[in-house]
PDB file of all heavy atoms in Angstrom:
ATOM      1  N   LEU A   1     -11.371  10.268  11.777  1.00  0.00           N
ATOM      2  CA  LEU A   1     -10.799   8.932  11.819  1.00  0.00           C
ATOM      3  C   LEU A   1      -9.656   8.845  10.824  1.00  0.00           C
ATOM      4  O   LEU A   1      -9.828   9.131   9.633  1.00  0.00           O
ATOM      5  CB  LEU A   1     -11.858   7.882  11.466  1.00  0.00           C
ATOM      6  CG  LEU A   1     -13.007   7.680  12.448  1.00  0.00           C
ATOM      7  CD1 LEU A   1     -13.946   6.611  11.932  1.00  0.00           C
ATOM      8  CD2 LEU A   1     -12.484   7.298  13.825  1.00  0.00           C
ATOM      9  N   GLN A   2      -8.479   8.456  11.290  1.00  0.00           N
ATOM     10  CA  GLN A   2      -7.333   8.312  10.408  1.00  0.00           C
ATOM     11  C   GLN A   2      -7.306   6.901   9.851  1.00  0.00           C
ATOM     12  O   GLN A   2      -7.212   5.924  10.593  1.00  0.00           O
ATOM     13  CB  GLN A   2      -6.026   8.617  11.155  1.00  0.00           C
ATOM     14  CG  GLN A   2      -4.819   8.647  10.213  1.00  0.00           C
ATOM     15  CD  GLN A   2      -3.580   9.198  10.881  1.00  0.00           C
ATOM     16  OE1 GLN A   2      -3.652   9.800  11.943  1.00  0.00           O
ATOM     17  NE2 GLN A   2      -2.428   8.989  10.260  1.00  0.00           N
ATOM     18  N   LEU A   3      -7.381   6.785   8.525  1.00  0.00           N
ATOM     19  CA  LEU A   3      -7.466   5.488   7.864  1.00  0.00           C
ATOM     20  C   LEU A   3      -6.103   4.932   7.494  1.00  0.00           C
ATOM     21  O   LEU A   3      -5.899   3.714   7.515  1.00  0.00           O
ATOM     22  CB  LEU A   3      -8.335   5.594   6.611  1.00  0.00           C
ATOM     23  CG  LEU A   3      -9.740   6.164   6.818  1.00  0.00           C
ATOM     24  CD1 LEU A   3     -10.477   6.224   5.486  1.00  0.00           C
ATOM     25  CD2 LEU A   3     -10.525   5.322   7.811  1.00  0.00           C
ATOM     26  N   THR A   4      -5.177   5.809   7.091  1.00  0.00           N
ATOM     27  CA  THR A   4      -3.806   5.380   6.795  1.00  0.00           C
ATOM     28  C   THR A   4      -2.828   6.289   7.526  1.00  0.00           C
ATOM     29  O   THR A   4      -3.129   7.461   7.776  1.00  0.00           O
ATOM     30  CB  THR A   4      -3.497   5.401   5.289  1.00  0.00           C
ATOM     31  OG1 THR A   4      -3.498   6.762   4.818  1.00  0.00           O
ATOM     32  CG2 THR A   4      -4.523   4.607   4.505  1.00  0.00           C
ATOM     33  N   ASP A   5      -1.668   5.744   7.846  1.00  0.00           N
ATOM     34  CA  ASP A   5      -0.687   6.459   8.656  1.00  0.00           C
ATOM     35  C   ASP A   5       0.676   6.439   7.973  1.00  0.00           C
ATOM     36  O   ASP A   5       1.369   5.424   7.979  1.00  0.00           O
ATOM     37  CB  ASP A   5      -0.604   5.807  10.040  1.00  0.00           C
ATOM     38  CG  ASP A   5       0.401   6.501  10.955  1.00  0.00           C
ATOM     39  OD1 ASP A   5       0.774   7.659  10.667  1.00  0.00           O
ATOM     40  OD2 ASP A   5       0.813   5.881  11.949  1.00  0.00           O
ATOM     41  N   ARG A   6       1.030   7.549   7.307  1.00  0.00           N
ATOM     42  CA  ARG A   6       2.349   7.736   6.702  1.00  0.00           C
ATOM     43  C   ARG A   6       2.756   6.570   5.799  1.00  0.00           C
ATOM     44  O   ARG A   6       3.848   6.028   5.899  1.00  0.00           O
ATOM     45  CB  ARG A   6       3.401   7.954   7.790  1.00  0.00           C
ATOM     46  CG  ARG A   6       3.164   9.215   8.624  1.00  0.00           C
ATOM     47  CD  ARG A   6       4.180   9.335   9.742  1.00  0.00           C
ATOM     48  NE  ARG A   6       4.035   8.265  10.709  1.00  0.00           N
ATOM     49  CZ  ARG A   6       4.905   8.014  11.680  1.00  0.00           C
ATOM     50  NH1 ARG A   6       5.984   8.761  11.809  1.00  0.00           N
ATOM     51  NH2 ARG A   6       4.698   7.022  12.522  1.00  0.00           N
ATOM     52  N   VAL A   7       1.847   6.199   4.909  1.00  0.00           N
ATOM     53  CA  VAL A   7       2.096   5.098   3.979  1.00  0.00           C
ATOM     54  C   VAL A   7       3.064   5.549   2.887  1.00  0.00           C
ATOM     55  O   VAL A   7       2.873   6.599   2.274  1.00  0.00           O
ATOM     56  CB  VAL A   7       0.773   4.621   3.353  1.00  0.00           C
ATOM     57  CG1 VAL A   7       1.023   3.698   2.168  1.00  0.00           C
ATOM     58  CG2 VAL A   7      -0.077   3.929   4.409  1.00  0.00           C
ATOM     59  N   SER A   8       4.111   4.750   2.650  1.00  0.00           N
ATOM     60  CA  SER A   8       5.095   5.069   1.614  1.00  0.00           C
ATOM     61  C   SER A   8       5.479   3.813   0.844  1.00  0.00           C
ATOM     62  O   SER A   8       5.784   2.781   1.452  1.00  0.00           O
ATOM     63  CB  SER A   8       6.364   5.685   2.227  1.00  0.00           C
ATOM     64  OG  SER A   8       6.104   6.917   2.853  1.00  0.00           O
ATOM     65  N   PHE A   9       5.434   3.910  -0.471  1.00  0.00           N
ATOM     66  CA  PHE A   9       5.975   2.850  -1.329  1.00  0.00           C
ATOM     67  C   PHE A   9       6.155   3.413  -2.729  1.00  0.00           C
ATOM     68  O   PHE A   9       5.589   4.455  -3.074  1.00  0.00           O
ATOM     69  CB  PHE A   9       5.077   1.603  -1.354  1.00  0.00           C
ATOM     70  CG  PHE A   9       3.683   1.840  -1.860  1.00  0.00           C
ATOM     71  CD1 PHE A   9       3.384   1.737  -3.209  1.00  0.00           C
ATOM     72  CD2 PHE A   9       2.649   2.153  -0.978  1.00  0.00           C
ATOM     73  CE1 PHE A   9       2.097   1.950  -3.672  1.00  0.00           C
ATOM     74  CE2 PHE A   9       1.357   2.362  -1.430  1.00  0.00           C
ATOM     75  CZ  PHE A   9       1.080   2.267  -2.777  1.00  0.00           C
ATOM     76  N   ASP A  10       6.986   2.742  -3.513  1.00  0.00           N
ATOM     77  CA  ASP A  10       7.260   3.138  -4.894  1.00  0.00           C
ATOM     78  C   ASP A  10       6.790   2.049  -5.848  1.00  0.00           C
ATOM     79  O   ASP A  10       6.725   0.877  -5.474  1.00  0.00           O
ATOM     80  CB  ASP A  10       8.751   3.329  -5.130  1.00  0.00           C
ATOM     81  CG  ASP A  10       9.293   4.595  -4.494  1.00  0.00           C
ATOM     82  OD1 ASP A  10       8.529   5.319  -3.839  1.00  0.00           O
ATOM     83  OD2 ASP A  10      10.482   4.838  -4.657  1.00  0.00           O
ATOM     84  N   ILE A  11       6.504   2.442  -7.076  1.00  0.00           N
ATOM     85  CA  ILE A  11       6.264   1.475  -8.145  1.00  0.00           C
ATOM     86  C   ILE A  11       7.148   1.865  -9.318  1.00  0.00           C
ATOM     87  O   ILE A  11       7.078   2.987  -9.819  1.00  0.00           O
ATOM     88  CB  ILE A  11       4.787   1.452  -8.579  1.00  0.00           C
ATOM     89  CG1 ILE A  11       3.890   1.073  -7.394  1.00  0.00           C
ATOM     90  CG2 ILE A  11       4.594   0.468  -9.723  1.00  0.00           C
ATOM     91  CD1 ILE A  11       2.414   1.079  -7.711  1.00  0.00           C
ATOM     92  N   ARG A  12       7.987   0.953  -9.727  1.00  0.00           N
ATOM     93  CA  ARG A  12       8.896   1.209 -10.838  1.00  0.00           C
ATOM     94  C   ARG A  12       8.232   0.877 -12.165  1.00  0.00           C
ATOM     95  O   ARG A  12       7.231   0.159 -12.218  1.00  0.00           O
ATOM     96  CB  ARG A  12      10.161   0.358 -10.674  1.00  0.00           C
ATOM     97  CG  ARG A  12      10.931   0.610  -9.389  1.00  0.00           C
ATOM     98  CD  ARG A  12      11.982  -0.452  -9.201  1.00  0.00           C
ATOM     99  NE  ARG A  12      12.669  -0.316  -7.915  1.00  0.00           N
ATOM    100  CZ  ARG A  12      13.332  -1.298  -7.331  1.00  0.00           C
ATOM    101  NH1 ARG A  12      13.399  -2.488  -7.896  1.00  0.00           N
ATOM    102  NH2 ARG A  12      13.941  -1.103  -6.173  1.00  0.00           N
ATOM    103  N   GLY A  13       8.804   1.374 -13.229  1.00  0.00           N
ATOM    104  CA  GLY A  13       8.272   1.098 -14.549  1.00  0.00           C
ATOM    105  C   GLY A  13       8.361  -0.382 -14.890  1.00  0.00           C
ATOM    106  O   GLY A  13       9.411  -0.998 -14.742  1.00  0.00           O
ATOM    107  N   GLY A  14       7.235  -0.965 -15.339  1.00  0.00           N
ATOM    108  CA  GLY A  14       7.224  -2.340 -15.805  1.00  0.00           C
ATOM    109  C   GLY A  14       7.178  -3.407 -14.735  1.00  0.00           C
ATOM    110  O   GLY A  14       7.259  -4.595 -15.054  1.00  0.00           O
ATOM    111  N   GLU A  15       7.032  -3.033 -13.458  1.00  0.00           N
ATOM    112  CA  GLU A  15       7.030  -4.041 -12.396  1.00  0.00           C
ATOM    113  C   GLU A  15       5.615  -4.289 -11.875  1.00  0.00           C
ATOM    114  O   GLU A  15       4.710  -3.472 -12.036  1.00  0.00           O
ATOM    115  CB  GLU A  15       7.926  -3.620 -11.232  1.00  0.00           C
ATOM    116  CG  GLU A  15       7.292  -2.614 -10.295  1.00  0.00           C
ATOM    117  CD  GLU A  15       8.050  -2.489  -8.969  1.00  0.00           C
ATOM    118  OE1 GLU A  15       9.042  -3.203  -8.760  1.00  0.00           O
ATOM    119  OE2 GLU A  15       7.642  -1.644  -8.156  1.00  0.00           O
ATOM    120  N   ILE A  16       5.454  -5.443 -11.231  1.00  0.00           N
ATOM    121  CA  ILE A  16       4.233  -5.750 -10.495  1.00  0.00           C
ATOM    122  C   ILE A  16       4.549  -5.613  -9.017  1.00  0.00           C
ATOM    123  O   ILE A  16       5.382  -6.345  -8.480  1.00  0.00           O
ATOM    124  CB  ILE A  16       3.725  -7.170 -10.808  1.00  0.00           C
ATOM    125  CG1 ILE A  16       3.396  -7.300 -12.297  1.00  0.00           C
ATOM    126  CG2 ILE A  16       2.496  -7.491  -9.968  1.00  0.00           C
ATOM    127  CD1 ILE A  16       2.954  -8.689 -12.709  1.00  0.00           C
ATOM    128  N   HIS A  17       3.911  -4.638  -8.377  1.00  0.00           N
ATOM    129  CA  HIS A  17       4.154  -4.373  -6.956  1.00  0.00           C
ATOM    130  C   HIS A  17       2.933  -4.836  -6.172  1.00  0.00           C
ATOM    131  O   HIS A  17       1.817  -4.376  -6.405  1.00  0.00           O
ATOM    132  CB  HIS A  17       4.394  -2.881  -6.726  1.00  0.00           C
ATOM    133  CG  HIS A  17       4.884  -2.551  -5.349  1.00  0.00           C
ATOM    134  ND1 HIS A  17       6.140  -2.038  -5.116  1.00  0.00           N
ATOM    135  CD2 HIS A  17       4.297  -2.685  -4.132  1.00  0.00           C
ATOM    136  CE1 HIS A  17       6.303  -1.866  -3.803  1.00  0.00           C
ATOM    137  NE2 HIS A  17       5.188  -2.258  -3.193  1.00  0.00           N
ATOM    138  N   GLY A  18       3.152  -5.759  -5.249  1.00  0.00           N
ATOM    139  CA  GLY A  18       2.063  -6.294  -4.454  1.00  0.00           C
ATOM    140  C   GLY A  18       1.830  -5.484  -3.190  1.00  0.00           C
ATOM    141  O   GLY A  18       2.776  -5.092  -2.518  1.00  0.00           O
ATOM    142  N   LEU A  19       0.565  -5.207  -2.881  1.00  0.00           N
ATOM    143  CA  LEU A  19       0.172  -4.568  -1.621  1.00  0.00           C
ATOM    144  C   LEU A  19      -0.765  -5.536  -0.921  1.00  0.00           C
ATOM    145  O   LEU A  19      -1.861  -5.813  -1.396  1.00  0.00           O
ATOM    146  CB  LEU A  19      -0.520  -3.238  -1.896  1.00  0.00           C
ATOM    147  CG  LEU A  19      -0.904  -2.377  -0.684  1.00  0.00           C
ATOM    148  CD1 LEU A  19       0.329  -1.989   0.117  1.00  0.00           C
ATOM    149  CD2 LEU A  19      -1.653  -1.125  -1.125  1.00  0.00           C
ATOM    150  N   ILE A  20      -0.306  -6.064   0.218  1.00  0.00           N
ATOM    151  CA  ILE A  20      -1.027  -7.169   0.854  1.00  0.00           C
ATOM    152  C   ILE A  20      -1.383  -6.838   2.292  1.00  0.00           C
ATOM    153  O   ILE A  20      -0.702  -6.037   2.951  1.00  0.00           O
ATOM    154  CB  ILE A  20      -0.189  -8.463   0.789  1.00  0.00           C
ATOM    155  CG1 ILE A  20      -1.022  -9.679   1.189  1.00  0.00           C
ATOM    156  CG2 ILE A  20       1.070  -8.364   1.668  1.00  0.00           C
ATOM    157  CD1 ILE A  20      -0.362 -11.002   0.883  1.00  0.00           C
ATOM    158  N   GLY A  21      -2.453  -7.441   2.779  1.00  0.00           N
ATOM    159  CA  GLY A  21      -2.898  -7.265   4.151  1.00  0.00           C
ATOM    160  C   GLY A  21      -4.338  -7.741   4.268  1.00  0.00           C
ATOM    161  O   GLY A  21      -5.033  -7.925   3.262  1.00  0.00           O
ATOM    162  N   GLU A  22      -4.795  -7.937   5.497  1.00  0.00           N
ATOM    163  CA  GLU A  22      -6.177  -8.364   5.721  1.00  0.00           C
ATOM    164  C   GLU A  22      -7.155  -7.238   5.373  1.00  0.00           C
ATOM    165  O   GLU A  22      -6.768  -6.081   5.212  1.00  0.00           O
ATOM    166  CB  GLU A  22      -6.360  -8.764   7.185  1.00  0.00           C
ATOM    167  CG  GLU A  22      -5.541  -9.963   7.615  1.00  0.00           C
ATOM    168  CD  GLU A  22      -5.554 -10.118   9.123  1.00  0.00           C
ATOM    169  OE1 GLU A  22      -6.465 -10.786   9.635  1.00  0.00           O
ATOM    170  OE2 GLU A  22      -4.648  -9.570   9.785  1.00  0.00           O
ATOM    171  N   SER A  23      -8.412  -7.598   5.287  1.00  0.00           N
ATOM    172  CA  SER A  23      -9.451  -6.587   5.074  1.00  0.00           C
ATOM    173  C   SER A  23      -9.428  -5.583   6.222  1.00  0.00           C
ATOM    174  O   SER A  23      -9.319  -5.961   7.386  1.00  0.00           O
ATOM    175  CB  SER A  23     -10.834  -7.255   5.006  1.00  0.00           C
ATOM    176  OG  SER A  23     -10.908  -8.134   3.913  1.00  0.00           O
ATOM    177  N   GLY A  24      -9.537  -4.299   5.883  1.00  0.00           N
ATOM    178  CA  GLY A  24      -9.526  -3.254   6.893  1.00  0.00           C
ATOM    179  C   GLY A  24      -8.163  -2.680   7.181  1.00  0.00           C
ATOM    180  O   GLY A  24      -8.026  -1.809   8.049  1.00  0.00           O
ATOM    181  N   CYS A  25      -7.141  -3.107   6.431  1.00  0.00           N
ATOM    182  CA  CYS A  25      -5.780  -2.597   6.676  1.00  0.00           C
ATOM    183  C   CYS A  25      -5.509  -1.269   5.971  1.00  0.00           C
ATOM    184  O   CYS A  25      -4.554  -0.573   6.315  1.00  0.00           O
ATOM    185  CB  CYS A  25      -4.739  -3.627   6.230  1.00  0.00           C
ATOM    186  SG  CYS A  25      -4.545  -5.013   7.373  1.00  0.00           S
ATOM    187  N   GLY A  26      -6.318  -0.914   4.971  1.00  0.00           N
ATOM    188  CA  GLY A  26      -6.132   0.359   4.276  1.00  0.00           C
ATOM    189  C   GLY A  26      -5.636   0.226   2.855  1.00  0.00           C
ATOM    190  O   GLY A  26      -5.256   1.223   2.234  1.00  0.00           O
TER     191      GLY A  26
END
């Protein structure tokens, strides 16, 4: 079962990066 599909994101120094989605999105 593939849970995530080619997920890409960056987090820079000192920032707050939000990752949002409904339950079950990964």
